[in-house]
Amino acid sequence: MKKFTGLVAWCLVVGGLLAGVKAAAQEMTPPPPPKVLVISREYLKPGRAGGVHERSESAFVRAMTAAKWPTHYFAVESMSGPSRALFLTGYPSFAAWEKDNQDTAKNTALTAALEHAALMDGDLLTAYDQNVFVYRDDLSLRSNVDIAHMRYFQILLFQVRPGHEKEWEDLAKMYKEGYEKAVPDAKWAVFESAFGANNGGMVAIFIPMKTLAEVDEGFANDKKFMEAVGGDGMKKLAELSASCIESEQVNLFQFNPKMSYPQEEWIKADPNFWKPKIAAPAGVKPAE
């Protein structure tokens, strides 16, 4: 009985240690991408990017910070294509997005500050739109990424032909399976348009990167993928692509912390990056 009691005690201790390890591992695992992603796009007039736009956007950051608003967003700026900035806001559901909008409308001080900031910012823009995407976990690969330490996105945009959605899914799953086997560190998150973005059929694939050296590595990884899939597999991929993809484009974007309102966890993870000094317009106190 004594031996049995000792064995039970040992099992409890080991079980407790394993539970602690599991809990710690869960805490270290980055959360998955948001289920709903709202993307606001600002297209800039020539000469209005850089510091000019950063100073304008600081008004939004100051307003959100002053209100201690619980919903956060971050900005990325184009390194290819038209001069534009994307502002990414994630929500766990459409109901959560609705609640955020309703709470914002009730906060008169915040609403007034945001409206004033939007009026000033509008003078820098040629166009603005907002699109809503939903996350596709089944088509994504290793998408639980520590975004706080990333600095770039490759964003692939595909317009899927109407009626060819099944072929698109088959194509995406072939790429996922091939890269999962051939490239251990390959990762991306897939989002499909729900509202806006050509009224559906648009797919956005986000590939996060710490440095642009990963672009160089990507070309080598493409070769590994083609070798793993083989000639017949590449032929099948080409047939599916020709059948279901109407258009595609790939662009590079760089994170901009000066135009972002990041969550506190990101700031703690990398304060030197996510809490920069922002040069506010003359006569305005800089955001802290």
C-alpha atoms as a PDB file:
ATOM      1  CA  MET A   1       0.000   0.000   0.000  1.00  0.00           C
ATOM      2  CA  LYS A   2       2.864   2.324   0.796  1.00  0.00           C
ATOM      3  CA  LYS A   3       4.471   1.614  -2.549  1.00  0.00           C
ATOM      4  CA  PHE A   4       1.162   2.144  -4.304  1.00  0.00           C
ATOM      5  CA  THR A   5       0.643   5.450  -2.490  1.00  0.00           C
ATOM      6  CA  GLY A   6       4.128   6.559  -3.512  1.00  0.00           C
ATOM      7  CA  LEU A   7       3.419   5.641  -7.128  1.00  0.00           C
ATOM      8  CA  VAL A   8       0.213   7.671  -7.091  1.00  0.00           C
ATOM      9  CA  ALA A   9       2.068  10.650  -5.621  1.00  0.00           C
ATOM     10  CA  TRP A  10       4.774  10.349  -8.283  1.00  0.00           C
ATOM     11  CA  CYS A  11       2.155  10.192 -11.032  1.00  0.00           C
ATOM     12  CA  LEU A  12       0.454  13.284  -9.641  1.00  0.00           C
ATOM     13  CA  VAL A  13       3.732  15.188  -9.567  1.00  0.00           C
ATOM     14  CA  VAL A  14       4.667  14.163 -13.109  1.00  0.00           C
ATOM     15  CA  GLY A  15       1.143  14.879 -14.284  1.00  0.00           C
ATOM     16  CA  GLY A  16       1.321  18.328 -12.750  1.00  0.00           C
ATOM     17  CA  LEU A  17       4.661  19.014 -14.394  1.00  0.00           C
ATOM     18  CA  LEU A  18       3.377  17.868 -17.779  1.00  0.00           C
ATOM     19  CA  ALA A  19       0.276  20.014 -17.375  1.00  0.00           C
ATOM     20  CA  GLY A  20       2.501  22.973 -16.581  1.00  0.00           C
ATOM     21  CA  VAL A  21       4.644  22.304 -19.646  1.00  0.00           C
ATOM     22  CA  LYS A  22       1.549  21.998 -21.811  1.00  0.00           C
ATOM     23  CA  ALA A  23       0.112  25.247 -20.431  1.00  0.00           C
ATOM     24  CA  ALA A  24       3.425  27.028 -20.997  1.00  0.00           C
ATOM     25  CA  ALA A  25       3.585  25.694 -24.556  1.00  0.00           C
ATOM     26  CA  GLN A  26       0.057  26.938 -25.202  1.00  0.00           C
ATOM     27  CA  GLU A  27       0.998  30.374 -23.881  1.00  0.00           C
ATOM     28  CA  MET A  28       4.030  30.452 -26.201  1.00  0.00           C
ATOM     29  CA  THR A  29       2.026  29.405 -29.260  1.00  0.00           C
ATOM     30  CA  PRO A  30       0.928  32.484 -31.214  1.00  0.00           C
ATOM     31  CA  PRO A  31      -2.824  32.823 -31.730  1.00  0.00           C
ATOM     32  CA  PRO A  32      -4.349  31.947 -35.106  1.00  0.00           C
ATOM     33  CA  PRO A  33      -5.304  34.679 -37.595  1.00  0.00           C
ATOM     34  CA  PRO A  34      -8.605  36.461 -36.957  1.00  0.00           C
ATOM     35  CA  LYS A  35     -11.753  34.905 -38.375  1.00  0.00           C
ATOM     36  CA  VAL A  36     -12.863  38.254 -39.804  1.00  0.00           C
ATOM     37  CA  LEU A  37     -10.343  40.681 -41.318  1.00  0.00           C
ATOM     38  CA  VAL A  38     -11.343  44.240 -42.211  1.00  0.00           C
ATOM     39  CA  ILE A  39      -8.877  45.883 -44.620  1.00  0.00           C
ATOM     40  CA  SER A  40      -9.023  49.625 -45.185  1.00  0.00           C
ATOM     41  CA  ARG A  41      -6.974  50.813 -48.181  1.00  0.00           C
ATOM     42  CA  GLU A  42      -5.715  54.340 -48.661  1.00  0.00           C
ATOM     43  CA  TYR A  43      -4.285  55.272 -52.066  1.00  0.00           C
ATOM     44  CA  LEU A  44      -1.957  58.246 -51.749  1.00  0.00           C
ATOM     45  CA  LYS A  45      -1.319  61.266 -53.913  1.00  0.00           C
ATOM     46  CA  PRO A  46       2.244  61.543 -55.275  1.00  0.00           C
ATOM     47  CA  GLY A  47       4.586  62.900 -52.628  1.00  0.00           C
ATOM     48  CA  ARG A  48       2.163  62.251 -49.758  1.00  0.00           C
ATOM     49  CA  ALA A  49       3.684  58.995 -48.485  1.00  0.00           C
ATOM     50  CA  GLY A  50       6.372  58.711 -45.808  1.00  0.00           C
ATOM     51  CA  GLY A  51       6.496  61.277 -43.014  1.00  0.00           C
ATOM     52  CA  VAL A  52       3.614  63.336 -44.382  1.00  0.00           C
ATOM     53  CA  HIS A  53       1.215  60.425 -44.134  1.00  0.00           C
ATOM     54  CA  GLU A  54       2.673  59.228 -40.830  1.00  0.00           C
ATOM     55  CA  ARG A  55       2.007  62.599 -39.212  1.00  0.00           C
ATOM     56  CA  SER A  56      -1.554  62.557 -40.494  1.00  0.00           C
ATOM     57  CA  GLU A  57      -2.178  59.013 -39.280  1.00  0.00           C
ATOM     58  CA  SER A  58      -0.802  59.907 -35.839  1.00  0.00           C
ATOM     59  CA  ALA A  59      -4.101  61.680 -35.172  1.00  0.00           C
ATOM     60  CA  PHE A  60      -5.953  58.347 -35.374  1.00  0.00           C
ATOM     61  CA  VAL A  61      -3.390  56.707 -33.091  1.00  0.00           C
ATOM     62  CA  ARG A  62      -3.699  59.537 -30.545  1.00  0.00           C
ATOM     63  CA  ALA A  63      -7.493  59.268 -30.566  1.00  0.00           C
ATOM     64  CA  MET A  64      -7.490  55.507 -30.017  1.00  0.00           C
ATOM     65  CA  THR A  65      -4.803  55.753 -27.337  1.00  0.00           C
ATOM     66  CA  ALA A  66      -6.633  58.513 -25.449  1.00  0.00           C
ATOM     67  CA  ALA A  67      -9.814  56.430 -25.470  1.00  0.00           C
ATOM     68  CA  LYS A  68      -7.889  53.308 -24.397  1.00  0.00           C
ATOM     69  CA  TRP A  69      -9.818  51.574 -27.178  1.00  0.00           C
ATOM     70  CA  PRO A  70      -9.751  47.755 -26.951  1.00  0.00           C
ATOM     71  CA  THR A  71      -9.769  47.133 -30.711  1.00  0.00           C
ATOM     72  CA  HIS A  72      -6.354  47.385 -32.326  1.00  0.00           C
ATOM     73  CA  TYR A  73      -5.044  47.628 -35.876  1.00  0.00           C
ATOM     74  CA  PHE A  74      -1.742  47.802 -37.691  1.00  0.00           C
ATOM     75  CA  ALA A  75      -0.604  49.388 -40.915  1.00  0.00           C
ATOM     76  CA  VAL A  76       1.457  48.089 -43.823  1.00  0.00           C
ATOM     77  CA  GLU A  77       2.735  50.206 -46.718  1.00  0.00           C
ATOM     78  CA  SER A  78       3.267  49.161 -50.322  1.00  0.00           C
ATOM     79  CA  MET A  79       6.751  48.486 -51.633  1.00  0.00           C
ATOM     80  CA  SER A  80       5.405  47.627 -55.091  1.00  0.00           C
ATOM     81  CA  GLY A  81       2.433  48.686 -57.137  1.00  0.00           C
ATOM     82  CA  PRO A  82       0.502  51.924 -56.510  1.00  0.00           C
ATOM     83  CA  SER A  83       1.443  53.974 -53.435  1.00  0.00           C
ATOM     84  CA  ARG A  84      -0.996  52.803 -50.772  1.00  0.00           C
ATOM     85  CA  ALA A  85      -1.363  51.846 -47.126  1.00  0.00           C
ATOM     86  CA  LEU A  86      -3.429  48.983 -45.734  1.00  0.00           C
ATOM     87  CA  PHE A  87      -4.903  49.106 -42.235  1.00  0.00           C
ATOM     88  CA  LEU A  88      -5.681  45.626 -40.896  1.00  0.00           C
ATOM     89  CA  THR A  89      -8.223  45.078 -38.119  1.00  0.00           C
ATOM     90  CA  GLY A  90      -9.121  41.568 -36.979  1.00  0.00           C
ATOM     91  CA  TYR A  91     -12.265  40.363 -35.210  1.00  0.00           C
ATOM     92  CA  PRO A  92     -13.329  36.964 -33.858  1.00  0.00           C
ATOM     93  CA  SER A  93     -16.737  37.308 -35.553  1.00  0.00           C
ATOM     94  CA  PHE A  94     -18.987  39.691 -37.472  1.00  0.00           C
ATOM     95  CA  ALA A  95     -20.910  40.237 -34.250  1.00  0.00           C
ATOM     96  CA  ALA A  96     -17.699  41.490 -32.628  1.00  0.00           C
ATOM     97  CA  TRP A  97     -17.175  43.906 -35.524  1.00  0.00           C
ATOM     98  CA  GLU A  98     -20.731  45.168 -35.104  1.00  0.00           C
ATOM     99  CA  LYS A  99     -20.228  45.720 -31.376  1.00  0.00           C
ATOM    100  CA  ASP A 100     -17.010  47.644 -32.004  1.00  0.00           C
ATOM    101  CA  ASN A 101     -18.822  49.932 -34.452  1.00  0.00           C
ATOM    102  CA  GLN A 102     -21.703  50.456 -32.032  1.00  0.00           C
ATOM    103  CA  ASP A 103     -19.385  51.204 -29.106  1.00  0.00           C
ATOM    104  CA  THR A 104     -17.412  53.660 -31.241  1.00  0.00           C
ATOM    105  CA  ALA A 105     -20.595  55.491 -32.236  1.00  0.00           C
ATOM    106  CA  LYS A 106     -21.569  55.836 -28.564  1.00  0.00           C
ATOM    107  CA  ASN A 107     -18.216  57.383 -27.660  1.00  0.00           C
ATOM    108  CA  THR A 108     -18.758  60.946 -28.851  1.00  0.00           C
ATOM    109  CA  ALA A 109     -15.242  62.137 -27.985  1.00  0.00           C
ATOM    110  CA  LEU A 110     -13.619  59.306 -29.934  1.00  0.00           C
ATOM    111  CA  THR A 111     -16.000  59.698 -32.871  1.00  0.00           C
ATOM    112  CA  ALA A 112     -15.311  63.426 -33.111  1.00  0.00           C
ATOM    113  CA  ALA A 113     -11.549  62.854 -33.000  1.00  0.00           C
ATOM    114  CA  LEU A 114     -11.707  60.146 -35.677  1.00  0.00           C
ATOM    115  CA  GLU A 115     -13.898  62.276 -37.956  1.00  0.00           C
ATOM    116  CA  HIS A 116     -11.503  65.207 -37.665  1.00  0.00           C
ATOM    117  CA  ALA A 117      -8.523  62.936 -38.360  1.00  0.00           C
ATOM    118  CA  ALA A 118     -10.283  61.442 -41.395  1.00  0.00           C
ATOM    119  CA  LEU A 119     -11.027  64.910 -42.770  1.00  0.00           C
ATOM    120  CA  MET A 120      -7.367  65.924 -42.537  1.00  0.00           C
ATOM    121  CA  ASP A 121      -6.121  62.591 -43.858  1.00  0.00           C
ATOM    122  CA  GLY A 122      -8.491  62.724 -46.814  1.00  0.00           C
ATOM    123  CA  ASP A 123      -6.520  65.588 -48.350  1.00  0.00           C
ATOM    124  CA  LEU A 124      -3.609  63.181 -48.905  1.00  0.00           C
ATOM    125  CA  LEU A 125      -5.609  60.494 -50.714  1.00  0.00           C
ATOM    126  CA  THR A 126      -6.711  59.749 -54.241  1.00  0.00           C
ATOM    127  CA  ALA A 127      -8.998  56.866 -53.218  1.00  0.00           C
ATOM    128  CA  TYR A 128     -10.168  54.867 -50.212  1.00  0.00           C
ATOM    129  CA  ASP A 129     -12.031  51.589 -49.828  1.00  0.00           C
ATOM    130  CA  GLN A 130     -12.803  48.967 -47.214  1.00  0.00           C
ATOM    131  CA  ASN A 131     -13.097  45.230 -47.791  1.00  0.00           C
ATOM    132  CA  VAL A 132     -13.986  42.366 -45.475  1.00  0.00           C
ATOM    133  CA  PHE A 133     -12.396  38.919 -45.634  1.00  0.00           C
ATOM    134  CA  VAL A 134     -12.952  35.658 -43.772  1.00  0.00           C
ATOM    135  CA  TYR A 135     -10.172  33.281 -42.732  1.00  0.00           C
ATOM    136  CA  ARG A 136      -9.813  29.864 -44.382  1.00  0.00           C
ATOM    137  CA  ASP A 137      -7.944  27.632 -41.972  1.00  0.00           C
ATOM    138  CA  ASP A 138      -8.259  24.591 -44.256  1.00  0.00           C
ATOM    139  CA  LEU A 139      -6.248  26.319 -46.989  1.00  0.00           C
ATOM    140  CA  SER A 140      -3.709  28.004 -44.705  1.00  0.00           C
ATOM    141  CA  LEU A 141      -0.348  26.561 -43.677  1.00  0.00           C
ATOM    142  CA  ARG A 142       1.302  27.001 -40.256  1.00  0.00           C
ATOM    143  CA  SER A 143      -0.570  30.263 -39.868  1.00  0.00           C
ATOM    144  CA  ASN A 144      -0.114  30.640 -36.093  1.00  0.00           C
ATOM    145  CA  VAL A 145       2.653  33.206 -36.535  1.00  0.00           C
ATOM    146  CA  ASP A 146       4.260  35.652 -34.104  1.00  0.00           C
ATOM    147  CA  ILE A 147       3.255  38.703 -36.134  1.00  0.00           C
ATOM    148  CA  ALA A 148       4.739  41.082 -33.543  1.00  0.00           C
ATOM    149  CA  HIS A 149       8.225  40.106 -34.747  1.00  0.00           C
ATOM    150  CA  MET A 150       7.420  40.150 -38.453  1.00  0.00           C
ATOM    151  CA  ARG A 151       8.263  43.150 -40.621  1.00  0.00           C
ATOM    152  CA  TYR A 152       6.905  42.378 -44.101  1.00  0.00           C
ATOM    153  CA  PHE A 153       4.044  40.711 -45.940  1.00  0.00           C
ATOM    154  CA  GLN A 154       3.976  39.207 -49.355  1.00  0.00           C
ATOM    155  CA  ILE A 155       0.325  39.527 -50.318  1.00  0.00           C
ATOM    156  CA  LEU A 156      -0.963  37.404 -53.182  1.00  0.00           C
ATOM    157  CA  LEU A 157      -4.327  38.382 -54.644  1.00  0.00           C
ATOM    158  CA  PHE A 158      -6.278  35.940 -56.803  1.00  0.00           C
ATOM    159  CA  GLN A 159      -9.556  36.578 -58.564  1.00  0.00           C
ATOM    160  CA  VAL A 160     -11.330  33.247 -58.869  1.00  0.00           C
ATOM    161  CA  ARG A 161     -13.608  32.701 -61.852  1.00  0.00           C
ATOM    162  CA  PRO A 162     -17.301  32.383 -60.881  1.00  0.00           C
ATOM    163  CA  GLY A 163     -18.358  28.756 -60.691  1.00  0.00           C
ATOM    164  CA  HIS A 164     -14.788  27.484 -60.333  1.00  0.00           C
ATOM    165  CA  GLU A 165     -14.514  27.647 -56.547  1.00  0.00           C
ATOM    166  CA  LYS A 166     -14.099  23.861 -56.176  1.00  0.00           C
ATOM    167  CA  GLU A 167     -11.164  23.863 -58.586  1.00  0.00           C
ATOM    168  CA  TRP A 168      -9.612  26.739 -56.653  1.00  0.00           C
ATOM    169  CA  GLU A 169      -9.873  24.780 -53.401  1.00  0.00           C
ATOM    170  CA  ASP A 170      -8.288  21.733 -55.053  1.00  0.00           C
ATOM    171  CA  LEU A 171      -5.464  23.938 -56.340  1.00  0.00           C
ATOM    172  CA  ALA A 172      -4.886  25.576 -52.935  1.00  0.00           C
ATOM    173  CA  LYS A 173      -4.869  22.225 -51.142  1.00  0.00           C
ATOM    174  CA  MET A 174      -2.318  20.803 -53.597  1.00  0.00           C
ATOM    175  CA  TYR A 175      -0.004  23.727 -52.866  1.00  0.00           C
ATOM    176  CA  LYS A 176      -0.565  23.339 -49.131  1.00  0.00           C
ATOM    177  CA  GLU A 177       0.200  19.612 -49.149  1.00  0.00           C
ATOM    178  CA  GLY A 178       3.252  20.056 -51.361  1.00  0.00           C
ATOM    179  CA  TYR A 179       4.821  22.871 -49.331  1.00  0.00           C
ATOM    180  CA  GLU A 180       3.959  21.193 -46.048  1.00  0.00           C
ATOM    181  CA  LYS A 181       6.114  18.217 -47.081  1.00  0.00           C
ATOM    182  CA  ALA A 182       8.868  19.962 -49.035  1.00  0.00           C
ATOM    183  CA  VAL A 183       9.413  23.182 -47.058  1.00  0.00           C
ATOM    184  CA  PRO A 184       9.237  22.789 -43.245  1.00  0.00           C
ATOM    185  CA  ASP A 185       9.158  26.531 -42.531  1.00  0.00           C
ATOM    186  CA  ALA A 186       6.669  27.566 -45.240  1.00  0.00           C
ATOM    187  CA  LYS A 187       3.718  29.485 -43.816  1.00  0.00           C
ATOM    188  CA  TRP A 188       0.771  31.558 -44.999  1.00  0.00           C
ATOM    189  CA  ALA A 189      -2.783  32.573 -44.117  1.00  0.00           C
ATOM    190  CA  VAL A 190      -5.633  32.499 -46.645  1.00  0.00           C
ATOM    191  CA  PHE A 191      -8.566  34.914 -46.539  1.00  0.00           C
ATOM    192  CA  GLU A 192     -11.563  34.983 -48.876  1.00  0.00           C
ATOM    193  CA  SER A 193     -13.538  38.149 -49.633  1.00  0.00           C
ATOM    194  CA  ALA A 194     -16.960  38.326 -48.038  1.00  0.00           C
ATOM    195  CA  PHE A 195     -17.933  41.945 -48.740  1.00  0.00           C
ATOM    196  CA  GLY A 196     -16.401  44.456 -51.141  1.00  0.00           C
ATOM    197  CA  ALA A 197     -13.322  43.285 -53.089  1.00  0.00           C
ATOM    198  CA  ASN A 198     -15.110  42.859 -56.431  1.00  0.00           C
ATOM    199  CA  ASN A 199     -18.176  41.455 -54.658  1.00  0.00           C
ATOM    200  CA  GLY A 200     -16.593  38.126 -53.843  1.00  0.00           C
ATOM    201  CA  GLY A 201     -14.263  35.723 -55.559  1.00  0.00           C
ATOM    202  CA  MET A 202     -11.159  37.514 -54.322  1.00  0.00           C
ATOM    203  CA  VAL A 203      -8.628  35.514 -52.312  1.00  0.00           C
ATOM    204  CA  ALA A 204      -5.823  37.167 -50.346  1.00  0.00           C
ATOM    205  CA  ILE A 205      -2.856  35.101 -49.172  1.00  0.00           C
ATOM    206  CA  PHE A 206      -0.601  36.673 -46.550  1.00  0.00           C
ATOM    207  CA  ILE A 207       2.982  35.426 -46.251  1.00  0.00           C
ATOM    208  CA  PRO A 208       4.674  37.010 -43.206  1.00  0.00           C
ATOM    209  CA  MET A 209       8.430  37.628 -43.250  1.00  0.00           C
ATOM    210  CA  LYS A 210      11.026  38.922 -40.795  1.00  0.00           C
ATOM    211  CA  THR A 211      13.410  40.079 -43.528  1.00  0.00           C
ATOM    212  CA  LEU A 212      13.428  40.409 -47.297  1.00  0.00           C
ATOM    213  CA  ALA A 213      16.055  37.663 -47.372  1.00  0.00           C
ATOM    214  CA  GLU A 214      13.060  35.330 -47.116  1.00  0.00           C
ATOM    215  CA  VAL A 215      12.067  36.422 -50.624  1.00  0.00           C
ATOM    216  CA  ASP A 216      15.394  35.049 -51.865  1.00  0.00           C
ATOM    217  CA  GLU A 217      14.776  31.847 -49.937  1.00  0.00           C
ATOM    218  CA  GLY A 218      11.342  31.609 -51.509  1.00  0.00           C
ATOM    219  CA  PHE A 219      12.781  31.060 -54.976  1.00  0.00           C
ATOM    220  CA  ALA A 220      14.824  28.113 -53.665  1.00  0.00           C
ATOM    221  CA  ASN A 221      11.747  26.769 -51.880  1.00  0.00           C
ATOM    222  CA  ASP A 222       9.772  26.913 -55.130  1.00  0.00           C
ATOM    223  CA  LYS A 223      12.294  24.526 -56.675  1.00  0.00           C
ATOM    224  CA  LYS A 224      11.976  22.159 -53.703  1.00  0.00           C
ATOM    225  CA  PHE A 225       8.210  22.246 -54.098  1.00  0.00           C
ATOM    226  CA  MET A 226       8.350  21.475 -57.833  1.00  0.00           C
ATOM    227  CA  GLU A 227      10.702  18.565 -57.210  1.00  0.00           C
ATOM    228  CA  ALA A 228       8.413  17.193 -54.505  1.00  0.00           C
ATOM    229  CA  VAL A 229       5.256  17.507 -56.633  1.00  0.00           C
ATOM    230  CA  GLY A 230       6.862  16.078 -59.760  1.00  0.00           C
ATOM    231  CA  GLY A 231       6.075  16.554 -63.428  1.00  0.00           C
ATOM    232  CA  ASP A 232       2.553  15.146 -63.287  1.00  0.00           C
ATOM    233  CA  GLY A 233       1.718  17.230 -60.235  1.00  0.00           C
ATOM    234  CA  MET A 234       2.964  20.433 -61.855  1.00  0.00           C
ATOM    235  CA  LYS A 235       0.911  19.662 -64.950  1.00  0.00           C
ATOM    236  CA  LYS A 236      -2.212  19.235 -62.795  1.00  0.00           C
ATOM    237  CA  LEU A 237      -1.472  22.520 -61.008  1.00  0.00           C
ATOM    238  CA  ALA A 238      -1.104  24.325 -64.339  1.00  0.00           C
ATOM    239  CA  GLU A 239      -4.426  22.929 -65.587  1.00  0.00           C
ATOM    240  CA  LEU A 240      -6.268  23.945 -62.421  1.00  0.00           C
ATOM    241  CA  SER A 241      -4.710  27.427 -62.472  1.00  0.00           C
ATOM    242  CA  ALA A 242      -5.711  28.020 -66.074  1.00  0.00           C
ATOM    243  CA  SER A 243      -9.235  26.863 -65.339  1.00  0.00           C
ATOM    244  CA  CYS A 244     -10.065  28.705 -62.106  1.00  0.00           C
ATOM    245  CA  ILE A 245      -7.857  31.839 -61.861  1.00  0.00           C
ATOM    246  CA  GLU A 246      -9.043  34.943 -63.683  1.00  0.00           C
ATOM    247  CA  SER A 247      -6.224  37.205 -62.497  1.00  0.00           C
ATOM    248  CA  GLU A 248      -3.430  37.309 -59.938  1.00  0.00           C
ATOM    249  CA  GLN A 249      -0.882  39.700 -58.527  1.00  0.00           C
ATOM    250  CA  VAL A 250       1.855  39.629 -55.891  1.00  0.00           C
ATOM    251  CA  ASN A 251       3.034  42.653 -53.924  1.00  0.00           C
ATOM    252  CA  LEU A 252       5.355  43.453 -51.046  1.00  0.00           C
ATOM    253  CA  PHE A 253       4.299  45.460 -48.002  1.00  0.00           C
ATOM    254  CA  GLN A 254       6.330  46.764 -45.079  1.00  0.00           C
ATOM    255  CA  PHE A 255       4.944  47.138 -41.549  1.00  0.00           C
ATOM    256  CA  ASN A 256       4.707  50.734 -40.303  1.00  0.00           C
ATOM    257  CA  PRO A 257       4.464  51.020 -36.487  1.00  0.00           C
ATOM    258  CA  LYS A 258       4.067  54.808 -36.636  1.00  0.00           C
ATOM    259  CA  MET A 259       0.673  54.405 -38.283  1.00  0.00           C
ATOM    260  CA  SER A 260      -0.391  51.432 -36.142  1.00  0.00           C
ATOM    261  CA  TYR A 261      -2.353  51.027 -32.921  1.00  0.00           C
ATOM    262  CA  PRO A 262      -0.920  47.674 -31.781  1.00  0.00           C
ATOM    263  CA  GLN A 263      -2.075  45.568 -28.878  1.00  0.00           C
ATOM    264  CA  GLU A 264      -0.127  45.752 -25.646  1.00  0.00           C
ATOM    265  CA  GLU A 265       1.299  42.242 -26.113  1.00  0.00           C
ATOM    266  CA  TRP A 266       3.012  43.343 -29.317  1.00  0.00           C
ATOM    267  CA  ILE A 267       4.496  46.413 -27.638  1.00  0.00           C
ATOM    268  CA  LYS A 268       5.843  44.310 -24.778  1.00  0.00           C
ATOM    269  CA  ALA A 269       7.269  41.780 -27.224  1.00  0.00           C
ATOM    270  CA  ASP A 270       9.177  44.405 -29.225  1.00  0.00           C
ATOM    271  CA  PRO A 271       8.874  47.922 -27.736  1.00  0.00           C
ATOM    272  CA  ASN A 272      11.680  49.377 -29.845  1.00  0.00           C
ATOM    273  CA  PHE A 273       9.670  48.657 -32.979  1.00  0.00           C
ATOM    274  CA  TRP A 274       6.031  49.004 -31.938  1.00  0.00           C
ATOM    275  CA  LYS A 275       6.383  52.099 -29.754  1.00  0.00           C
ATOM    276  CA  PRO A 276       8.337  54.584 -31.884  1.00  0.00           C
ATOM    277  CA  LYS A 277       8.319  58.340 -31.394  1.00  0.00           C
ATOM    278  CA  ILE A 278       5.785  59.865 -33.738  1.00  0.00           C
ATOM    279  CA  ALA A 279       6.332  63.324 -35.184  1.00  0.00           C
ATOM    280  CA  ALA A 280       2.946  65.006 -34.784  1.00  0.00           C
ATOM    281  CA  PRO A 281       1.801  68.083 -36.739  1.00  0.00           C
ATOM    282  CA  ALA A 282       2.958  71.448 -35.427  1.00  0.00           C
ATOM    283  CA  GLY A 283       1.215  72.423 -32.213  1.00  0.00           C
ATOM    284  CA  VAL A 284       0.060  68.903 -31.452  1.00  0.00           C
ATOM    285  CA  LYS A 285       1.507  66.813 -28.644  1.00  0.00           C
ATOM    286  CA  PRO A 286       3.156  63.626 -30.014  1.00  0.00           C
ATOM    287  CA  ALA A 287       1.502  60.287 -29.266  1.00  0.00           C
ATOM    288  CA  GLU A 288       3.095  58.377 -26.433  1.00  0.00           C
END
